[in-house]
């Protein structure tokens, strides 16, 4: 398993989020992508939704060659900011390593 798994940085997460937003044909992608994103940017501000979250999880699983077990009962569904999302993803990654 890669040591890269233990480090989901805000910069990496923002890059992956931008990829998800750019690929979503249903949203005004240009408006969402023009803003400056940082750790305190809210997912609501970028129009991120539950379908985007699933796509993001798939991207992370592919990038790190792991399987992230998540469901409706995890805290990831309650995150508000990019940094909140990063912390929750770190927890899911740690759980997947421990399994």
Protein backbone atom coordinates (compact mmCIF):
# COMPACT_ATOMS: atom_id res chain seq x y z
CA UNK A 1 0.00 0.00 0.00
CA UNK A 2 1.27 3.47 -0.83
CA UNK A 3 2.45 5.85 1.91
CA UNK A 4 0.73 8.54 -0.14
CA UNK A 5 -2.56 7.27 1.30
CA UNK A 6 -1.83 8.88 4.66
CA UNK A 7 -1.65 12.37 3.24
CA UNK A 8 -4.72 13.86 1.60
CA UNK A 9 -3.71 17.50 1.53
CA UNK A 10 -6.09 20.38 1.00
CA UNK A 11 -4.31 21.12 -2.30
CA UNK A 12 -4.82 17.56 -3.55
CA UNK A 13 -8.43 17.56 -2.42
CA UNK A 14 -9.10 20.91 -4.11
CA UNK A 15 -7.62 19.57 -7.35
CA UNK A 16 -9.85 16.49 -7.16
CA UNK A 17 -12.90 18.61 -6.29
CA UNK A 18 -12.22 20.83 -9.30
CA UNK A 19 -12.05 17.72 -11.49
CA UNK A 20 -15.43 16.54 -10.19
CA UNK A 21 -17.00 19.97 -10.68
CA UNK A 22 -15.53 20.32 -14.18
CA UNK A 23 -17.01 16.99 -15.24
CA UNK A 24 -20.52 17.69 -13.94
CA UNK A 25 -22.51 18.73 -17.00
CA UNK A 26 -25.55 19.77 -14.93
CA UNK A 27 -23.89 22.71 -13.20
CA UNK A 28 -22.56 26.07 -14.28
CA UNK A 29 -19.01 24.80 -14.21
CA UNK A 30 -17.36 28.05 -15.23
CA UNK A 31 -18.84 30.01 -12.33
CA UNK A 32 -17.84 27.35 -9.81
CA UNK A 33 -14.32 26.99 -11.18
CA UNK A 34 -13.53 30.71 -11.36
CA UNK A 35 -13.55 31.26 -7.61
CA UNK A 36 -10.55 30.88 -5.35
CA UNK A 37 -10.92 27.74 -3.27
CA UNK A 38 -9.29 27.18 0.08
CA UNK A 39 -9.69 25.02 3.18
CA UNK A 40 -12.54 27.18 4.50
CA UNK A 41 -14.47 27.23 1.22
CA UNK A 42 -17.84 25.62 1.83
CA UNK A 43 -19.04 22.78 -0.32
CA UNK A 44 -22.30 24.68 -0.70
CA UNK A 45 -20.41 27.62 -2.24
CA UNK A 46 -19.04 25.39 -4.98
CA UNK A 47 -22.35 23.60 -5.51
CA UNK A 48 -20.97 20.26 -4.35
CA UNK A 49 -23.69 17.65 -3.80
CA UNK A 50 -24.03 14.01 -2.74
CA UNK A 51 -23.54 12.72 -6.28
CA UNK A 52 -20.31 14.72 -6.49
CA UNK A 53 -19.24 13.16 -3.19
CA UNK A 54 -19.64 9.66 -4.62
CA UNK A 55 -17.60 10.67 -7.68
CA UNK A 56 -14.91 12.14 -5.42
CA UNK A 57 -14.74 8.93 -3.39
CA UNK A 58 -14.25 6.96 -6.63
CA UNK A 59 -11.43 9.30 -7.68
CA UNK A 60 -9.68 8.90 -4.33
CA UNK A 61 -10.10 5.12 -4.41
CA UNK A 62 -8.57 5.03 -7.90
CA UNK A 63 -5.74 7.41 -7.00
CA UNK A 64 -4.70 5.48 -3.89
CA UNK A 65 -5.72 1.97 -5.06
CA UNK A 66 -7.89 1.40 -1.99
CA UNK A 67 -11.51 0.73 -1.15
CA UNK A 68 -13.16 3.32 1.09
CA UNK A 69 -16.11 1.95 3.01
CA UNK A 70 -18.62 4.71 3.52
CA UNK A 71 -22.39 4.88 3.88
CA UNK A 72 -25.16 7.23 4.90
CA UNK A 73 -24.16 6.83 8.55
CA UNK A 74 -20.67 8.30 8.21
CA UNK A 75 -19.80 11.85 9.18
CA UNK A 76 -18.69 12.60 5.63
CA UNK A 77 -22.28 13.47 4.79
CA UNK A 78 -22.23 16.29 7.36
CA UNK A 79 -19.08 18.15 6.31
CA UNK A 80 -19.34 21.84 5.49
CA UNK A 81 -15.91 22.98 4.28
CA UNK A 82 -13.13 21.57 2.13
CA UNK A 83 -10.97 21.12 5.23
CA UNK A 84 -13.83 19.28 7.01
CA UNK A 85 -14.03 16.98 3.99
CA UNK A 86 -10.26 16.41 4.04
CA UNK A 87 -10.36 15.41 7.71
CA UNK A 88 -13.24 12.99 7.15
CA UNK A 89 -11.50 11.46 4.13
CA UNK A 90 -8.38 10.98 6.25
CA UNK A 91 -10.50 9.07 8.78
CA UNK A 92 -12.00 6.88 6.04
CA UNK A 93 -8.53 6.23 4.62
CA UNK A 94 -7.22 5.29 8.07
CA UNK A 95 -10.18 2.93 8.53
CA UNK A 96 -9.49 1.31 5.15
CA UNK A 97 -5.83 0.77 6.12
CA UNK A 98 -6.82 -0.77 9.45
CA UNK A 99 -9.26 -3.21 7.85
